[in-house]
């Protein structure tokens, strides 16, 4: 199955269940490989419409950093860390904190 096949299937899922954040998340992940602008739009939609969908924060922050939007990436990391703390999700919290520290170091930020 190709990336385009998966995108087509996931698009169908988003039409059938538009309220399910996982479908939008999976679609954004697939688009990261072929169309970063589309992936960015989908991550922005997820962050706005499903702000408690914790899985979004890690890949969204990385994508924003990759495309050079360092400030937005920083904001996304910080919101994800805060949400992981609120949800007491230790694994996600550790992953986000580690990635955030690397991000700060790589971008000479405090």
C-alpha atoms as a PDB file:
ATOM      1  CA  UNK A   1       0.000   0.000   0.000  1.00  0.00           C
ATOM      2  CA  UNK A   2       1.420   3.347  -1.005  1.00  0.00           C
ATOM      3  CA  UNK A   3       1.324   6.606   0.881  1.00  0.00           C
ATOM      4  CA  UNK A   4      -1.296   7.897  -1.564  1.00  0.00           C
ATOM      5  CA  UNK A   5      -3.458   4.820  -0.970  1.00  0.00           C
ATOM      6  CA  UNK A   6      -3.286   5.381   2.783  1.00  0.00           C
ATOM      7  CA  UNK A   7      -4.123   9.061   2.330  1.00  0.00           C
ATOM      8  CA  UNK A   8      -7.156   8.179   0.231  1.00  0.00           C
ATOM      9  CA  UNK A   9      -8.384   5.682   2.835  1.00  0.00           C
ATOM     10  CA  UNK A  10      -7.795   8.120   5.689  1.00  0.00           C
ATOM     11  CA  UNK A  11      -9.609  10.893   3.819  1.00  0.00           C
ATOM     12  CA  UNK A  12     -12.586   8.560   3.571  1.00  0.00           C
ATOM     13  CA  UNK A  13     -12.369   7.885   7.322  1.00  0.00           C
ATOM     14  CA  UNK A  14     -12.367  11.632   8.057  1.00  0.00           C
ATOM     15  CA  UNK A  15     -15.503  12.013   5.949  1.00  0.00           C
ATOM     16  CA  UNK A  16     -17.227   9.113   7.709  1.00  0.00           C
ATOM     17  CA  UNK A  17     -16.154  10.144  11.220  1.00  0.00           C
ATOM     18  CA  UNK A  18     -15.134  13.818  11.151  1.00  0.00           C
ATOM     19  CA  UNK A  19     -15.362  14.081  14.946  1.00  0.00           C
ATOM     20  CA  UNK A  20     -12.744  11.360  15.506  1.00  0.00           C
ATOM     21  CA  UNK A  21      -9.386  13.080  16.099  1.00  0.00           C
ATOM     22  CA  UNK A  22      -7.416   9.901  15.377  1.00  0.00           C
ATOM     23  CA  UNK A  23      -8.495   9.982  11.731  1.00  0.00           C
ATOM     24  CA  UNK A  24      -7.224  13.548  11.321  1.00  0.00           C
ATOM     25  CA  UNK A  25      -4.041  12.698  13.236  1.00  0.00           C
ATOM     26  CA  UNK A  26      -3.294   9.679  11.031  1.00  0.00           C
ATOM     27  CA  UNK A  27      -3.930  11.760   7.919  1.00  0.00           C
ATOM     28  CA  UNK A  28      -1.572  14.509   9.122  1.00  0.00           C
ATOM     29  CA  UNK A  29       1.126  11.908   9.812  1.00  0.00           C
ATOM     30  CA  UNK A  30       0.783  10.520   6.281  1.00  0.00           C
ATOM     31  CA  UNK A  31       0.977  13.988   4.749  1.00  0.00           C
ATOM     32  CA  UNK A  32       4.212  14.779   6.617  1.00  0.00           C
ATOM     33  CA  UNK A  33       6.069  12.691   4.041  1.00  0.00           C
ATOM     34  CA  UNK A  34       4.564  14.214   0.901  1.00  0.00           C
ATOM     35  CA  UNK A  35       3.000  17.602   1.678  1.00  0.00           C
ATOM     36  CA  UNK A  36       4.185  19.462   4.767  1.00  0.00           C
ATOM     37  CA  UNK A  37       1.789  22.351   4.148  1.00  0.00           C
ATOM     38  CA  UNK A  38      -1.187  19.993   4.195  1.00  0.00           C
ATOM     39  CA  UNK A  39       0.193  18.277   7.298  1.00  0.00           C
ATOM     40  CA  UNK A  40       0.580  21.671   8.976  1.00  0.00           C
ATOM     41  CA  UNK A  41      -3.029  22.566   8.159  1.00  0.00           C
ATOM     42  CA  UNK A  42      -4.248  19.263   9.590  1.00  0.00           C
ATOM     43  CA  UNK A  43      -2.186  19.621  12.761  1.00  0.00           C
ATOM     44  CA  UNK A  44      -3.516  23.174  13.185  1.00  0.00           C
ATOM     45  CA  UNK A  45      -7.062  21.820  12.817  1.00  0.00           C
ATOM     46  CA  UNK A  46      -6.384  19.135  15.423  1.00  0.00           C
ATOM     47  CA  UNK A  47      -4.845  21.580  17.883  1.00  0.00           C
ATOM     48  CA  UNK A  48      -7.793  23.964  17.488  1.00  0.00           C
ATOM     49  CA  UNK A  49     -10.643  21.451  17.440  1.00  0.00           C
ATOM     50  CA  UNK A  50      -9.218  18.686  19.637  1.00  0.00           C
ATOM     51  CA  UNK A  51      -6.783  20.401  22.031  1.00  0.00           C
ATOM     52  CA  UNK A  52      -6.869  17.462  24.449  1.00  0.00           C
ATOM     53  CA  UNK A  53      -5.737  14.914  21.836  1.00  0.00           C
ATOM     54  CA  UNK A  54      -2.272  14.517  23.325  1.00  0.00           C
ATOM     55  CA  UNK A  55      -0.755  12.468  20.487  1.00  0.00           C
ATOM     56  CA  UNK A  56      -0.886  15.536  18.230  1.00  0.00           C
ATOM     57  CA  UNK A  57       1.642  17.615  20.126  1.00  0.00           C
ATOM     58  CA  UNK A  58       4.870  15.685  19.521  1.00  0.00           C
ATOM     59  CA  UNK A  59       4.683  15.385  15.712  1.00  0.00           C
ATOM     60  CA  UNK A  60       3.081  18.816  15.309  1.00  0.00           C
ATOM     61  CA  UNK A  61       5.868  20.529  17.256  1.00  0.00           C
ATOM     62  CA  UNK A  62       8.483  18.704  15.199  1.00  0.00           C
ATOM     63  CA  UNK A  63       6.808  19.627  11.921  1.00  0.00           C
ATOM     64  CA  UNK A  64       6.616  23.307  12.839  1.00  0.00           C
ATOM     65  CA  UNK A  65      10.315  23.219  13.755  1.00  0.00           C
ATOM     66  CA  UNK A  66      11.174  21.505  10.457  1.00  0.00           C
ATOM     67  CA  UNK A  67       9.406  24.191   8.439  1.00  0.00           C
ATOM     68  CA  UNK A  68      11.118  26.941  10.421  1.00  0.00           C
ATOM     69  CA  UNK A  69       8.267  28.159  12.620  1.00  0.00           C
ATOM     70  CA  UNK A  70      10.344  27.920  15.778  1.00  0.00           C
ATOM     71  CA  UNK A  71       8.091  30.082  17.945  1.00  0.00           C
ATOM     72  CA  UNK A  72       4.958  28.067  17.143  1.00  0.00           C
ATOM     73  CA  UNK A  73       6.879  24.844  17.696  1.00  0.00           C
ATOM     74  CA  UNK A  74       7.899  26.085  21.146  1.00  0.00           C
ATOM     75  CA  UNK A  75       4.287  26.953  21.997  1.00  0.00           C
ATOM     76  CA  UNK A  76       3.075  23.524  20.857  1.00  0.00           C
ATOM     77  CA  UNK A  77       5.720  21.717  22.911  1.00  0.00           C
ATOM     78  CA  UNK A  78       4.803  23.742  25.998  1.00  0.00           C
ATOM     79  CA  UNK A  79       1.065  23.108  25.596  1.00  0.00           C
ATOM     80  CA  UNK A  80       1.709  19.397  25.061  1.00  0.00           C
ATOM     81  CA  UNK A  81       3.863  19.196  28.184  1.00  0.00           C
ATOM     82  CA  UNK A  82       1.181  20.982  30.191  1.00  0.00           C
ATOM     83  CA  UNK A  83      -1.526  18.638  28.887  1.00  0.00           C
ATOM     84  CA  UNK A  84       0.565  15.540  29.603  1.00  0.00           C
ATOM     85  CA  UNK A  85       1.043  16.784  33.183  1.00  0.00           C
ATOM     86  CA  UNK A  86      -2.690  17.417  33.576  1.00  0.00           C
ATOM     87  CA  UNK A  87      -3.484  13.942  32.262  1.00  0.00           C
ATOM     88  CA  UNK A  88      -0.729  12.403  34.409  1.00  0.00           C
ATOM     89  CA  UNK A  89       0.602  10.679  31.290  1.00  0.00           C
ATOM     90  CA  UNK A  90       4.162  10.024  32.426  1.00  0.00           C
ATOM     91  CA  UNK A  91       5.390   8.436  29.208  1.00  0.00           C
ATOM     92  CA  UNK A  92       4.099  11.248  26.985  1.00  0.00           C
ATOM     93  CA  UNK A  93       5.401  13.818  29.460  1.00  0.00           C
ATOM     94  CA  UNK A  94       8.910  12.339  29.391  1.00  0.00           C
ATOM     95  CA  UNK A  95       8.932  12.107  25.594  1.00  0.00           C
ATOM     96  CA  UNK A  96       7.721  15.672  25.173  1.00  0.00           C
ATOM     97  CA  UNK A  97      10.120  17.062  27.790  1.00  0.00           C
ATOM     98  CA  UNK A  98      13.103  15.272  26.232  1.00  0.00           C
ATOM     99  CA  UNK A  99      12.176  16.410  22.736  1.00  0.00           C
ATOM    100  CA  UNK A 100      11.588  19.947  24.011  1.00  0.00           C
ATOM    101  CA  UNK A 101      15.005  20.083  25.678  1.00  0.00           C
ATOM    102  CA  UNK A 102      16.643  18.898  22.442  1.00  0.00           C
ATOM    103  CA  UNK A 103      14.611  21.457  20.499  1.00  0.00           C
ATOM    104  CA  UNK A 104      15.711  24.274  22.835  1.00  0.00           C
ATOM    105  CA  UNK A 105      19.358  23.202  22.568  1.00  0.00           C
ATOM    106  CA  UNK A 106      19.283  22.846  18.768  1.00  0.00           C
ATOM    107  CA  UNK A 107      17.715  26.284  18.380  1.00  0.00           C
ATOM    108  CA  UNK A 108      19.765  28.106  21.048  1.00  0.00           C
ATOM    109  CA  UNK A 109      16.677  28.927  23.086  1.00  0.00           C
ATOM    110  CA  UNK A 110      16.170  29.153  26.837  1.00  0.00           C
END
